[in-house]
Amino acid sequence: MVSYQLTDADLGGVRFGLSPLCELGLSLRAIKDPSRFPLQLPWLRRTEDARALLDTPTLMALIDERFWTPEFLNPRPTSPLTRIDDEFAVLSRTRTSIFLRDLDALHGGIPPALLGDPRLALRRVVDALRALWDSCFAPYWPRMRTVLEADVAYRGRQIAQSGLGPMLNGLSETVSFSGDLVSVRLASASERLQRTDGQGLTLVPTMFTRRGSAPVGDGPPMIMYPARGQGALWETERVASPAAVEGVLGRVRTSLLTALAEPATSTELGVRFDVTTSAVNQHLRALRDAGLLTSTRYGRSVLYFRSELGSSLLGAGHRSDAHHGRTA
């Protein structure tokens, strides 16, 4: 178990971050044993041919039988907007002493695939991970990032509505918060108490963990936890829309308006309804110009939300369908 003792300042400074590099490292778990990650089987199927061309020995040298990865693959993100190129640049500059130390801590020695000149071994690791990113992540990252960003937005609303404690206790069954302690139950039997001392606590949603986890070293306080909504990541959404409104707005616009009882981005909606982002943006602009939607900026994204007029229109449409004996 790892426990983080938060100062008063840290209690008010809990932050969220996204780390594409962390996702890459954690994805090795699903690649190593797909049976443990049923929600990601669609991704594994889609990338099977591409993964056959990767430097598998090098990638598998970055994970052990406990499904742990070296500390240099678990960077602490400073923002929900972290870019993979920036993280690769930092990884490439990792000191060879740290590179070897982290591998030894993971495996109890240097794995055969990474023996030899540590500078060349580090370069092979970066090249293998970049190939994994380019072939298996880049085409699907907008989908994944949408789920991760939606989780961050949800947790932020939880804090605003219920406070920090309920949000932390709801991250995972292995994460608990009481007083000034946030604890994470790990597979390891060892226990460690770490005082944050103003470093803050970073929460990182991920697609490739089934339970809350934390770095096993003594790095900056960080908890990785399973993002909400993974089960629907690869599914096309179907919503019940009033036929009377569909007759005026069309099926796609009515479905979007119905779905926007909760805020969402155009990218997220495109994934959910299997419509291109550019087409979704056209529909959303038309609905917003008609006063049926409102929008607000969240970081680099724009969140759309159904307006009072939009809700009234849907309500009237449902009443009209019921009056004529139809069901949506």
C-alpha atoms as a PDB file:
ATOM      1  CA  MET A   1       0.000   0.000   0.000  1.00  0.00           C
ATOM      2  CA  VAL A   2       1.121   3.526  -0.788  1.00  0.00           C
ATOM      3  CA  SER A   3      -0.305   6.348   1.324  1.00  0.00           C
ATOM      4  CA  TYR A   4       0.103  10.021   0.522  1.00  0.00           C
ATOM      5  CA  GLN A   5      -0.186  12.406   3.448  1.00  0.00           C
ATOM      6  CA  LEU A   6      -1.514  15.676   2.078  1.00  0.00           C
ATOM      7  CA  THR A   7      -0.822  19.086   3.531  1.00  0.00           C
ATOM      8  CA  ASP A   8      -3.594  21.686   3.684  1.00  0.00           C
ATOM      9  CA  ALA A   9      -2.183  23.276   0.545  1.00  0.00           C
ATOM     10  CA  ASP A  10      -2.142  19.926  -1.242  1.00  0.00           C
ATOM     11  CA  LEU A  11      -5.759  19.227  -0.280  1.00  0.00           C
ATOM     12  CA  GLY A  12      -6.725  22.338  -2.187  1.00  0.00           C
ATOM     13  CA  GLY A  13      -4.308  21.680  -5.030  1.00  0.00           C
ATOM     14  CA  VAL A  14      -5.254  18.224  -6.284  1.00  0.00           C
ATOM     15  CA  ARG A  15      -4.873  18.352 -10.050  1.00  0.00           C
ATOM     16  CA  PHE A  16      -5.618  16.155 -13.054  1.00  0.00           C
ATOM     17  CA  GLY A  17      -3.315  15.289 -15.903  1.00  0.00           C
ATOM     18  CA  LEU A  18      -3.199  13.125 -19.003  1.00  0.00           C
ATOM     19  CA  SER A  19      -0.024  11.337 -20.070  1.00  0.00           C
ATOM     20  CA  PRO A  20       0.102   9.724 -23.526  1.00  0.00           C
ATOM     21  CA  LEU A  21       3.432   8.108 -22.567  1.00  0.00           C
ATOM     22  CA  CYS A  22       1.874   6.638 -19.452  1.00  0.00           C
ATOM     23  CA  GLU A  23      -0.900   5.196 -21.644  1.00  0.00           C
ATOM     24  CA  LEU A  24       1.722   3.657 -23.915  1.00  0.00           C
ATOM     25  CA  GLY A  25       3.478   1.987 -21.002  1.00  0.00           C
ATOM     26  CA  LEU A  26       0.271   0.734 -19.420  1.00  0.00           C
ATOM     27  CA  SER A  27      -0.977  -0.603 -22.779  1.00  0.00           C
ATOM     28  CA  LEU A  28       1.812  -3.190 -22.601  1.00  0.00           C
ATOM     29  CA  ARG A  29      -0.343  -4.915 -19.985  1.00  0.00           C
ATOM     30  CA  ALA A  30      -3.119  -5.503 -22.504  1.00  0.00           C
ATOM     31  CA  ILE A  31      -0.637  -6.554 -25.178  1.00  0.00           C
ATOM     32  CA  LYS A  32       1.045  -9.007 -22.791  1.00  0.00           C
ATOM     33  CA  ASP A  33      -2.225 -10.574 -21.595  1.00  0.00           C
ATOM     34  CA  PRO A  34      -5.364  -9.502 -23.505  1.00  0.00           C
ATOM     35  CA  SER A  35      -7.583 -11.637 -21.262  1.00  0.00           C
ATOM     36  CA  ARG A  36      -7.074  -9.166 -18.426  1.00  0.00           C
ATOM     37  CA  PHE A  37      -8.431  -6.238 -20.448  1.00  0.00           C
ATOM     38  CA  PRO A  38     -11.678  -7.275 -22.157  1.00  0.00           C
ATOM     39  CA  LEU A  39     -12.774  -3.670 -22.673  1.00  0.00           C
ATOM     40  CA  GLN A  40      -9.739  -3.087 -24.897  1.00  0.00           C
ATOM     41  CA  LEU A  41     -10.176  -6.181 -27.078  1.00  0.00           C
ATOM     42  CA  PRO A  42     -11.592  -4.058 -29.954  1.00  0.00           C
ATOM     43  CA  TRP A  43      -8.383  -1.979 -29.883  1.00  0.00           C
ATOM     44  CA  LEU A  44      -6.234  -5.111 -29.754  1.00  0.00           C
ATOM     45  CA  ARG A  45      -8.091  -6.584 -32.729  1.00  0.00           C
ATOM     46  CA  ARG A  46      -7.794  -3.380 -34.761  1.00  0.00           C
ATOM     47  CA  THR A  47      -4.039  -3.151 -34.119  1.00  0.00           C
ATOM     48  CA  GLU A  48      -3.105  -6.828 -34.422  1.00  0.00           C
ATOM     49  CA  ASP A  49      -1.447  -6.552 -37.832  1.00  0.00           C
ATOM     50  CA  ALA A  50       0.417  -3.370 -36.898  1.00  0.00           C
ATOM     51  CA  ARG A  51       1.690  -4.867 -33.650  1.00  0.00           C
ATOM     52  CA  ALA A  52       3.138  -7.827 -35.524  1.00  0.00           C
ATOM     53  CA  LEU A  53       5.641  -5.400 -37.104  1.00  0.00           C
ATOM     54  CA  LEU A  54       6.798  -3.828 -33.827  1.00  0.00           C
ATOM     55  CA  ASP A  55       9.987  -4.462 -31.841  1.00  0.00           C
ATOM     56  CA  THR A  56       8.198  -6.817 -29.452  1.00  0.00           C
ATOM     57  CA  PRO A  57      11.304  -7.998 -27.498  1.00  0.00           C
ATOM     58  CA  THR A  58      12.142  -4.413 -26.569  1.00  0.00           C
ATOM     59  CA  LEU A  59       8.550  -3.580 -25.635  1.00  0.00           C
ATOM     60  CA  MET A  60       8.143  -6.718 -23.517  1.00  0.00           C
ATOM     61  CA  ALA A  61      11.385  -5.858 -21.706  1.00  0.00           C
ATOM     62  CA  LEU A  62       9.490  -2.872 -20.277  1.00  0.00           C
ATOM     63  CA  ILE A  63       7.002  -4.969 -18.285  1.00  0.00           C
ATOM     64  CA  ASP A  64       7.448  -7.741 -15.733  1.00  0.00           C
ATOM     65  CA  GLU A  65       5.337 -10.695 -14.617  1.00  0.00           C
ATOM     66  CA  ARG A  66       3.507  -8.478 -12.112  1.00  0.00           C
ATOM     67  CA  PHE A  67       2.513  -6.193 -14.993  1.00  0.00           C
ATOM     68  CA  TRP A  68       4.637  -3.375 -13.561  1.00  0.00           C
ATOM     69  CA  THR A  69       6.518  -0.939 -15.793  1.00  0.00           C
ATOM     70  CA  PRO A  70       9.676   1.105 -15.080  1.00  0.00           C
ATOM     71  CA  GLU A  71       9.358   4.480 -13.452  1.00  0.00           C
ATOM     72  CA  PHE A  72      10.606   6.342 -16.527  1.00  0.00           C
ATOM     73  CA  LEU A  73       7.398   5.275 -18.295  1.00  0.00           C
ATOM     74  CA  ASN A  74       5.215   6.860 -15.601  1.00  0.00           C
ATOM     75  CA  PRO A  75       5.888  10.596 -15.968  1.00  0.00           C
ATOM     76  CA  ARG A  76       3.841  12.946 -13.850  1.00  0.00           C
ATOM     77  CA  PRO A  77       1.816  15.045 -16.313  1.00  0.00           C
ATOM     78  CA  THR A  78       1.493  18.726 -15.561  1.00  0.00           C
ATOM     79  CA  SER A  79      -1.669  19.256 -17.604  1.00  0.00           C
ATOM     80  CA  PRO A  80      -4.621  17.492 -19.242  1.00  0.00           C
ATOM     81  CA  LEU A  81      -3.126  18.774 -22.518  1.00  0.00           C
ATOM     82  CA  THR A  82       0.221  16.927 -22.418  1.00  0.00           C
ATOM     83  CA  ARG A  83       1.631  16.103 -25.881  1.00  0.00           C
ATOM     84  CA  ILE A  84       3.333  12.802 -26.691  1.00  0.00           C
ATOM     85  CA  ASP A  85       6.171  14.539 -28.576  1.00  0.00           C
ATOM     86  CA  ASP A  86       7.070  16.508 -25.472  1.00  0.00           C
ATOM     87  CA  GLU A  87       7.105  13.333 -23.386  1.00  0.00           C
ATOM     88  CA  PHE A  88       9.256  11.504 -25.941  1.00  0.00           C
ATOM     89  CA  ALA A  89      11.717  14.404 -25.842  1.00  0.00           C
ATOM     90  CA  VAL A  90      11.985  14.110 -22.052  1.00  0.00           C
ATOM     91  CA  LEU A  91      12.296  10.309 -22.228  1.00  0.00           C
ATOM     92  CA  SER A  92      15.113  10.601 -24.774  1.00  0.00           C
ATOM     93  CA  ARG A  93      17.053  12.764 -22.313  1.00  0.00           C
ATOM     94  CA  THR A  94      16.719  10.266 -19.433  1.00  0.00           C
ATOM     95  CA  ARG A  95      20.070   9.797 -17.723  1.00  0.00           C
ATOM     96  CA  THR A  96      21.480   6.341 -18.366  1.00  0.00           C
ATOM     97  CA  SER A  97      21.975   5.856 -14.616  1.00  0.00           C
ATOM     98  CA  ILE A  98      18.219   6.355 -14.056  1.00  0.00           C
ATOM     99  CA  PHE A  99      17.371   4.186 -17.074  1.00  0.00           C
ATOM    100  CA  LEU A 100      19.450   1.288 -15.718  1.00  0.00           C
ATOM    101  CA  ARG A 101      18.286   1.837 -12.133  1.00  0.00           C
ATOM    102  CA  ASP A 102      14.609   1.653 -13.080  1.00  0.00           C
ATOM    103  CA  LEU A 103      15.088  -1.461 -15.208  1.00  0.00           C
ATOM    104  CA  ASP A 104      17.037  -3.159 -12.428  1.00  0.00           C
ATOM    105  CA  ALA A 105      14.361  -2.238  -9.872  1.00  0.00           C
ATOM    106  CA  LEU A 106      11.733  -3.762 -12.173  1.00  0.00           C
ATOM    107  CA  HIS A 107      13.476  -6.972 -13.202  1.00  0.00           C
ATOM    108  CA  GLY A 108      16.266  -7.437 -10.673  1.00  0.00           C
ATOM    109  CA  GLY A 109      18.710  -6.934 -13.535  1.00  0.00           C
ATOM    110  CA  ILE A 110      18.841  -5.691 -17.119  1.00  0.00           C
ATOM    111  CA  PRO A 111      16.663  -7.806 -19.460  1.00  0.00           C
ATOM    112  CA  PRO A 112      18.506  -9.450 -22.386  1.00  0.00           C
ATOM    113  CA  ALA A 113      16.815  -7.266 -25.010  1.00  0.00           C
ATOM    114  CA  LEU A 114      18.326  -4.152 -23.416  1.00  0.00           C
ATOM    115  CA  LEU A 115      21.843  -5.346 -22.590  1.00  0.00           C
ATOM    116  CA  GLY A 116      24.834  -3.478 -23.954  1.00  0.00           C
ATOM    117  CA  ASP A 117      25.421   0.237 -24.325  1.00  0.00           C
ATOM    118  CA  PRO A 118      22.635   1.872 -22.247  1.00  0.00           C
ATOM    119  CA  ARG A 119      22.499   4.860 -24.595  1.00  0.00           C
ATOM    120  CA  LEU A 120      21.715   2.574 -27.515  1.00  0.00           C
ATOM    121  CA  ALA A 121      19.252   0.613 -25.376  1.00  0.00           C
ATOM    122  CA  LEU A 122      17.414   3.816 -24.439  1.00  0.00           C
ATOM    123  CA  ARG A 123      17.279   4.780 -28.098  1.00  0.00           C
ATOM    124  CA  ARG A 124      15.770   1.379 -28.945  1.00  0.00           C
ATOM    125  CA  VAL A 125      13.143   1.870 -26.225  1.00  0.00           C
ATOM    126  CA  VAL A 126      12.181   5.306 -27.560  1.00  0.00           C
ATOM    127  CA  ASP A 127      12.061   4.022 -31.147  1.00  0.00           C
ATOM    128  CA  ALA A 128       9.924   1.000 -30.165  1.00  0.00           C
ATOM    129  CA  LEU A 129       7.492   3.139 -28.191  1.00  0.00           C
ATOM    130  CA  ARG A 130       7.246   5.715 -30.968  1.00  0.00           C
ATOM    131  CA  ALA A 131       6.448   2.952 -33.464  1.00  0.00           C
ATOM    132  CA  LEU A 132       3.781   1.645 -31.079  1.00  0.00           C
ATOM    133  CA  TRP A 133       2.344   5.149 -30.834  1.00  0.00           C
ATOM    134  CA  ASP A 134       2.381   5.873 -34.568  1.00  0.00           C
ATOM    135  CA  SER A 135       0.797   2.594 -35.629  1.00  0.00           C
ATOM    136  CA  CYS A 136      -1.514   1.687 -32.747  1.00  0.00           C
ATOM    137  CA  PHE A 137      -2.302   4.865 -30.828  1.00  0.00           C
ATOM    138  CA  ALA A 138      -2.241   7.873 -33.144  1.00  0.00           C
ATOM    139  CA  PRO A 139      -5.218   6.676 -35.255  1.00  0.00           C
ATOM    140  CA  TYR A 140      -7.334   6.097 -32.133  1.00  0.00           C
ATOM    141  CA  TRP A 141      -5.953   8.695 -29.738  1.00  0.00           C
ATOM    142  CA  PRO A 142      -8.765  11.231 -30.361  1.00  0.00           C
ATOM    143  CA  ARG A 143     -11.256   8.564 -29.212  1.00  0.00           C
ATOM    144  CA  MET A 144      -9.183   7.631 -26.179  1.00  0.00           C
ATOM    145  CA  ARG A 145      -8.435  11.232 -25.255  1.00  0.00           C
ATOM    146  CA  THR A 146     -12.125  12.072 -25.449  1.00  0.00           C
ATOM    147  CA  VAL A 147     -12.913   9.395 -22.856  1.00  0.00           C
ATOM    148  CA  LEU A 148     -10.056  10.585 -20.633  1.00  0.00           C
ATOM    149  CA  GLU A 149     -11.042  14.259 -20.900  1.00  0.00           C
ATOM    150  CA  ALA A 150     -14.676  13.408 -20.213  1.00  0.00           C
ATOM    151  CA  ASP A 151     -13.585  11.605 -17.060  1.00  0.00           C
ATOM    152  CA  VAL A 152     -11.606  14.650 -15.904  1.00  0.00           C
ATOM    153  CA  ALA A 153     -14.634  16.882 -16.521  1.00  0.00           C
ATOM    154  CA  TYR A 154     -16.844  14.452 -14.577  1.00  0.00           C
ATOM    155  CA  ARG A 155     -14.462  14.366 -11.602  1.00  0.00           C
ATOM    156  CA  GLY A 156     -14.270  18.145 -11.625  1.00  0.00           C
ATOM    157  CA  ARG A 157     -18.051  18.368 -11.392  1.00  0.00           C
ATOM    158  CA  GLN A 158     -17.963  15.844  -8.541  1.00  0.00           C
ATOM    159  CA  ILE A 159     -15.581  18.066  -6.581  1.00  0.00           C
ATOM    160  CA  ALA A 160     -17.782  21.106  -7.203  1.00  0.00           C
ATOM    161  CA  GLN A 161     -20.977  19.304  -6.217  1.00  0.00           C
ATOM    162  CA  SER A 162     -19.876  16.930  -3.432  1.00  0.00           C
ATOM    163  CA  GLY A 163     -16.339  17.850  -2.415  1.00  0.00           C
ATOM    164  CA  LEU A 164     -12.893  16.307  -2.730  1.00  0.00           C
ATOM    165  CA  GLY A 165     -13.489  13.317  -0.430  1.00  0.00           C
ATOM    166  CA  PRO A 166     -16.344  11.657  -2.348  1.00  0.00           C
ATOM    167  CA  MET A 167     -14.472  12.180  -5.608  1.00  0.00           C
ATOM    168  CA  LEU A 168     -11.283  10.513  -4.318  1.00  0.00           C
ATOM    169  CA  ASN A 169     -13.210   7.635  -2.736  1.00  0.00           C
ATOM    170  CA  GLY A 170     -14.991   7.076  -6.036  1.00  0.00           C
ATOM    171  CA  LEU A 171     -11.881   6.706  -8.189  1.00  0.00           C
ATOM    172  CA  SER A 172     -11.453   2.976  -7.587  1.00  0.00           C
ATOM    173  CA  GLU A 173     -12.138   0.338  -4.974  1.00  0.00           C
ATOM    174  CA  THR A 174      -8.387   0.338  -4.240  1.00  0.00           C
ATOM    175  CA  VAL A 175      -8.244   4.084  -3.499  1.00  0.00           C
ATOM    176  CA  SER A 176      -9.438   5.497  -0.187  1.00  0.00           C
ATOM    177  CA  PHE A 177      -9.317   8.940   1.397  1.00  0.00           C
ATOM    178  CA  SER A 178      -9.687   9.799   5.080  1.00  0.00           C
ATOM    179  CA  GLY A 179      -8.461  12.811   6.996  1.00  0.00           C
ATOM    180  CA  ASP A 180      -5.304  13.877   5.194  1.00  0.00           C
ATOM    181  CA  LEU A 181      -4.356  10.429   3.842  1.00  0.00           C
ATOM    182  CA  VAL A 182      -4.988   9.103   0.348  1.00  0.00           C
ATOM    183  CA  SER A 183      -4.142   5.392   0.202  1.00  0.00           C
ATOM    184  CA  VAL A 184      -3.742   3.074  -2.768  1.00  0.00           C
ATOM    185  CA  ARG A 185      -3.748  -0.697  -2.254  1.00  0.00           C
ATOM    186  CA  LEU A 186      -1.132  -2.249  -4.511  1.00  0.00           C
ATOM    187  CA  ALA A 187      -0.451  -5.849  -5.441  1.00  0.00           C
ATOM    188  CA  SER A 188       2.820  -5.575  -3.506  1.00  0.00           C
ATOM    189  CA  ALA A 189       2.710  -6.384   0.211  1.00  0.00           C
ATOM    190  CA  SER A 190       5.068  -3.512   1.055  1.00  0.00           C
ATOM    191  CA  GLU A 191       3.762  -0.338   2.676  1.00  0.00           C
ATOM    192  CA  ARG A 192       5.021   3.194   2.165  1.00  0.00           C
ATOM    193  CA  LEU A 193       3.935   6.532   3.600  1.00  0.00           C
ATOM    194  CA  GLN A 194       4.932   9.568   1.573  1.00  0.00           C
ATOM    195  CA  ARG A 195       4.341  13.155   2.673  1.00  0.00           C
ATOM    196  CA  THR A 196       3.480  15.377  -0.220  1.00  0.00           C
ATOM    197  CA  ASP A 197       4.995  18.480   1.406  1.00  0.00           C
ATOM    198  CA  GLY A 198       3.527  20.892  -1.101  1.00  0.00           C
ATOM    199  CA  GLN A 199       4.218  18.747  -4.196  1.00  0.00           C
ATOM    200  CA  GLY A 200       0.506  18.297  -4.758  1.00  0.00           C
ATOM    201  CA  LEU A 201      -1.287  15.142  -5.895  1.00  0.00           C
ATOM    202  CA  THR A 202      -1.837  14.413  -9.578  1.00  0.00           C
ATOM    203  CA  LEU A 203      -4.703  12.149 -10.677  1.00  0.00           C
ATOM    204  CA  VAL A 204      -4.299  10.442 -14.053  1.00  0.00           C
ATOM    205  CA  PRO A 205      -7.204   8.590 -15.721  1.00  0.00           C
ATOM    206  CA  THR A 206      -6.116   5.770 -17.989  1.00  0.00           C
ATOM    207  CA  MET A 207      -7.594   3.225 -20.382  1.00  0.00           C
ATOM    208  CA  PHE A 208      -5.270   0.422 -19.333  1.00  0.00           C
ATOM    209  CA  THR A 209      -5.714  -0.183 -15.645  1.00  0.00           C
ATOM    210  CA  ARG A 210      -8.498  -2.047 -13.867  1.00  0.00           C
ATOM    211  CA  ARG A 211      -7.804  -0.568 -10.431  1.00  0.00           C
ATOM    212  CA  GLY A 212      -6.143   2.429  -8.856  1.00  0.00           C
ATOM    213  CA  SER A 213      -2.354   2.295  -8.888  1.00  0.00           C
ATOM    214  CA  ALA A 214       0.625   4.467  -8.034  1.00  0.00           C
ATOM    215  CA  PRO A 215       4.314   4.553  -8.979  1.00  0.00           C
ATOM    216  CA  VAL A 216       6.251   2.120  -6.796  1.00  0.00           C
ATOM    217  CA  GLY A 217       9.203   4.500  -6.448  1.00  0.00           C
ATOM    218  CA  ASP A 218       9.434   7.672  -4.405  1.00  0.00           C
ATOM    219  CA  GLY A 219       8.621  10.060  -7.239  1.00  0.00           C
ATOM    220  CA  PRO A 220       6.063  12.882  -7.135  1.00  0.00           C
ATOM    221  CA  PRO A 221       2.649  11.827  -5.730  1.00  0.00           C
ATOM    222  CA  MET A 222       0.480  10.416  -8.496  1.00  0.00           C
ATOM    223  CA  ILE A 223      -2.493   8.041  -8.730  1.00  0.00           C
ATOM    224  CA  MET A 224      -3.536   6.345 -11.968  1.00  0.00           C
ATOM    225  CA  TYR A 225      -7.113   5.105 -12.071  1.00  0.00           C
ATOM    226  CA  PRO A 226      -9.505   3.538 -14.617  1.00  0.00           C
ATOM    227  CA  ALA A 227     -11.338   6.121 -16.697  1.00  0.00           C
ATOM    228  CA  ARG A 228     -15.122   5.981 -16.874  1.00  0.00           C
ATOM    229  CA  GLY A 229     -16.863   5.122 -20.129  1.00  0.00           C
ATOM    230  CA  GLN A 230     -14.307   2.687 -21.531  1.00  0.00           C
ATOM    231  CA  GLY A 231     -16.972   0.094 -22.255  1.00  0.00           C
ATOM    232  CA  ALA A 232     -18.682   2.381 -24.757  1.00  0.00           C
ATOM    233  CA  LEU A 233     -15.464   3.581 -26.410  1.00  0.00           C
ATOM    234  CA  TRP A 234     -15.819   1.430 -29.514  1.00  0.00           C
ATOM    235  CA  GLU A 235     -19.608   1.343 -29.683  1.00  0.00           C
ATOM    236  CA  THR A 236     -21.812   3.548 -31.802  1.00  0.00           C
ATOM    237  CA  GLU A 237     -24.485   5.162 -29.645  1.00  0.00           C
ATOM    238  CA  ARG A 238     -28.164   4.951 -30.404  1.00  0.00           C
ATOM    239  CA  VAL A 239     -30.548   7.253 -28.560  1.00  0.00           C
ATOM    240  CA  ALA A 240     -34.322   7.395 -28.487  1.00  0.00           C
ATOM    241  CA  SER A 241     -35.406  10.635 -30.140  1.00  0.00           C
ATOM    242  CA  PRO A 242     -38.930  12.003 -30.623  1.00  0.00           C
ATOM    243  CA  ALA A 243     -40.089  11.328 -34.166  1.00  0.00           C
ATOM    244  CA  ALA A 244     -41.893  14.673 -34.307  1.00  0.00           C
ATOM    245  CA  VAL A 245     -38.611  16.548 -33.784  1.00  0.00           C
ATOM    246  CA  GLU A 246     -36.745  14.277 -36.206  1.00  0.00           C
ATOM    247  CA  GLY A 247     -39.236  15.329 -38.855  1.00  0.00           C
ATOM    248  CA  VAL A 248     -38.067  18.932 -38.438  1.00  0.00           C
ATOM    249  CA  LEU A 249     -34.372  18.648 -37.525  1.00  0.00           C
ATOM    250  CA  GLY A 250     -33.433  15.303 -39.054  1.00  0.00           C
ATOM    251  CA  ARG A 251     -32.240  12.149 -37.282  1.00  0.00           C
ATOM    252  CA  VAL A 252     -28.610  13.145 -36.643  1.00  0.00           C
ATOM    253  CA  ARG A 253     -29.345  16.606 -35.240  1.00  0.00           C
ATOM    254  CA  THR A 254     -32.150  15.256 -33.075  1.00  0.00           C
ATOM    255  CA  SER A 255     -29.881  12.506 -31.723  1.00  0.00           C
ATOM    256  CA  LEU A 256     -27.183  15.082 -30.921  1.00  0.00           C
ATOM    257  CA  LEU A 257     -29.673  17.360 -29.214  1.00  0.00           C
ATOM    258  CA  THR A 258     -31.038  14.418 -27.197  1.00  0.00           C
ATOM    259  CA  ALA A 259     -27.540  13.318 -26.123  1.00  0.00           C
ATOM    260  CA  LEU A 260     -26.516  16.797 -24.995  1.00  0.00           C
ATOM    261  CA  ALA A 261     -28.366  16.685 -21.703  1.00  0.00           C
ATOM    262  CA  GLU A 262     -24.754  16.311 -20.477  1.00  0.00           C
ATOM    263  CA  PRO A 263     -21.962  18.485 -21.917  1.00  0.00           C
ATOM    264  CA  ALA A 264     -19.739  16.907 -24.578  1.00  0.00           C
ATOM    265  CA  THR A 265     -17.230  17.914 -27.246  1.00  0.00           C
ATOM    266  CA  SER A 266     -17.728  17.499 -30.965  1.00  0.00           C
ATOM    267  CA  THR A 267     -14.959  14.867 -31.056  1.00  0.00           C
ATOM    268  CA  GLU A 268     -16.655  12.840 -28.328  1.00  0.00           C
ATOM    269  CA  LEU A 269     -20.005  13.058 -30.128  1.00  0.00           C
ATOM    270  CA  GLY A 270     -18.423  11.974 -33.397  1.00  0.00           C
ATOM    271  CA  VAL A 271     -17.093   8.825 -31.736  1.00  0.00           C
ATOM    272  CA  ARG A 272     -20.367   8.107 -29.988  1.00  0.00           C
ATOM    273  CA  PHE A 273     -22.502   8.460 -33.125  1.00  0.00           C
ATOM    274  CA  ASP A 274     -19.981   7.326 -35.762  1.00  0.00           C
ATOM    275  CA  VAL A 275     -20.101  10.691 -37.546  1.00  0.00           C
ATOM    276  CA  THR A 276     -17.046  12.652 -38.669  1.00  0.00           C
ATOM    277  CA  THR A 277     -16.016  15.513 -36.404  1.00  0.00           C
ATOM    278  CA  SER A 278     -16.396  18.035 -39.240  1.00  0.00           C
ATOM    279  CA  ALA A 279     -19.968  16.866 -39.876  1.00  0.00           C
ATOM    280  CA  VAL A 280     -20.771  16.997 -36.163  1.00  0.00           C
ATOM    281  CA  ASN A 281     -19.435  20.556 -35.975  1.00  0.00           C
ATOM    282  CA  GLN A 282     -21.725  21.613 -38.826  1.00  0.00           C
ATOM    283  CA  HIS A 283     -24.756  20.139 -37.061  1.00  0.00           C
ATOM    284  CA  LEU A 284     -23.772  21.677 -33.718  1.00  0.00           C
ATOM    285  CA  ARG A 285     -23.297  25.125 -35.236  1.00  0.00           C
ATOM    286  CA  ALA A 286     -26.743  24.919 -36.820  1.00  0.00           C
ATOM    287  CA  LEU A 287     -28.330  23.847 -33.520  1.00  0.00           C
ATOM    288  CA  ARG A 288     -26.497  26.561 -31.617  1.00  0.00           C
ATOM    289  CA  ASP A 289     -27.457  29.246 -34.158  1.00  0.00           C
ATOM    290  CA  ALA A 290     -31.085  28.174 -33.665  1.00  0.00           C
ATOM    291  CA  GLY A 291     -30.708  28.654 -29.900  1.00  0.00           C
ATOM    292  CA  LEU A 292     -31.089  24.937 -29.137  1.00  0.00           C
ATOM    293  CA  LEU A 293     -27.541  24.543 -27.766  1.00  0.00           C
ATOM    294  CA  THR A 294     -25.100  26.606 -25.761  1.00  0.00           C
ATOM    295  CA  SER A 295     -21.323  26.186 -25.736  1.00  0.00           C
ATOM    296  CA  THR A 296     -18.423  26.975 -23.430  1.00  0.00           C
ATOM    297  CA  ARG A 297     -14.666  26.562 -23.774  1.00  0.00           C
ATOM    298  CA  TYR A 298     -12.858  23.961 -21.627  1.00  0.00           C
ATOM    299  CA  GLY A 299      -9.106  24.152 -22.189  1.00  0.00           C
ATOM    300  CA  ARG A 300      -8.607  23.683 -25.920  1.00  0.00           C
ATOM    301  CA  SER A 301     -11.982  22.015 -26.351  1.00  0.00           C
ATOM    302  CA  VAL A 302     -15.496  23.417 -26.717  1.00  0.00           C
ATOM    303  CA  LEU A 303     -18.201  21.770 -24.637  1.00  0.00           C
ATOM    304  CA  TYR A 304     -21.766  21.828 -25.984  1.00  0.00           C
ATOM    305  CA  PHE A 305     -24.866  21.650 -23.790  1.00  0.00           C
ATOM    306  CA  ARG A 306     -28.572  21.627 -24.566  1.00  0.00           C
ATOM    307  CA  SER A 307     -30.265  24.967 -23.937  1.00  0.00           C
ATOM    308  CA  GLU A 308     -33.593  25.474 -22.199  1.00  0.00           C
ATOM    309  CA  LEU A 309     -35.193  25.998 -25.612  1.00  0.00           C
ATOM    310  CA  GLY A 310     -33.699  22.718 -26.853  1.00  0.00           C
ATOM    311  CA  SER A 311     -35.023  20.835 -23.844  1.00  0.00           C
ATOM    312  CA  SER A 312     -38.449  22.386 -24.345  1.00  0.00           C
ATOM    313  CA  LEU A 313     -38.460  21.340 -27.999  1.00  0.00           C
ATOM    314  CA  LEU A 314     -37.607  17.725 -27.124  1.00  0.00           C
ATOM    315  CA  GLY A 315     -40.231  17.711 -24.391  1.00  0.00           C
ATOM    316  CA  ALA A 316     -42.854  18.966 -26.815  1.00  0.00           C
ATOM    317  CA  GLY A 317     -41.763  16.371 -29.362  1.00  0.00           C
ATOM    318  CA  HIS A 318     -42.156  13.516 -26.888  1.00  0.00           C
ATOM    319  CA  ARG A 319     -45.626  14.791 -25.936  1.00  0.00           C
ATOM    320  CA  SER A 320     -46.582  14.969 -29.609  1.00  0.00           C
ATOM    321  CA  ASP A 321     -45.430  11.384 -30.226  1.00  0.00           C
ATOM    322  CA  ALA A 322     -47.377  10.131 -27.215  1.00  0.00           C
ATOM    323  CA  HIS A 323     -50.475  12.033 -28.377  1.00  0.00           C
ATOM    324  CA  HIS A 324     -50.335  10.293 -31.737  1.00  0.00           C
ATOM    325  CA  GLY A 325     -49.650   6.888 -30.223  1.00  0.00           C
ATOM    326  CA  ARG A 326     -46.055   6.695 -31.390  1.00  0.00           C
ATOM    327  CA  THR A 327     -43.001   5.718 -29.361  1.00  0.00           C
ATOM    328  CA  ALA A 328     -39.490   6.952 -30.085  1.00  0.00           C
END
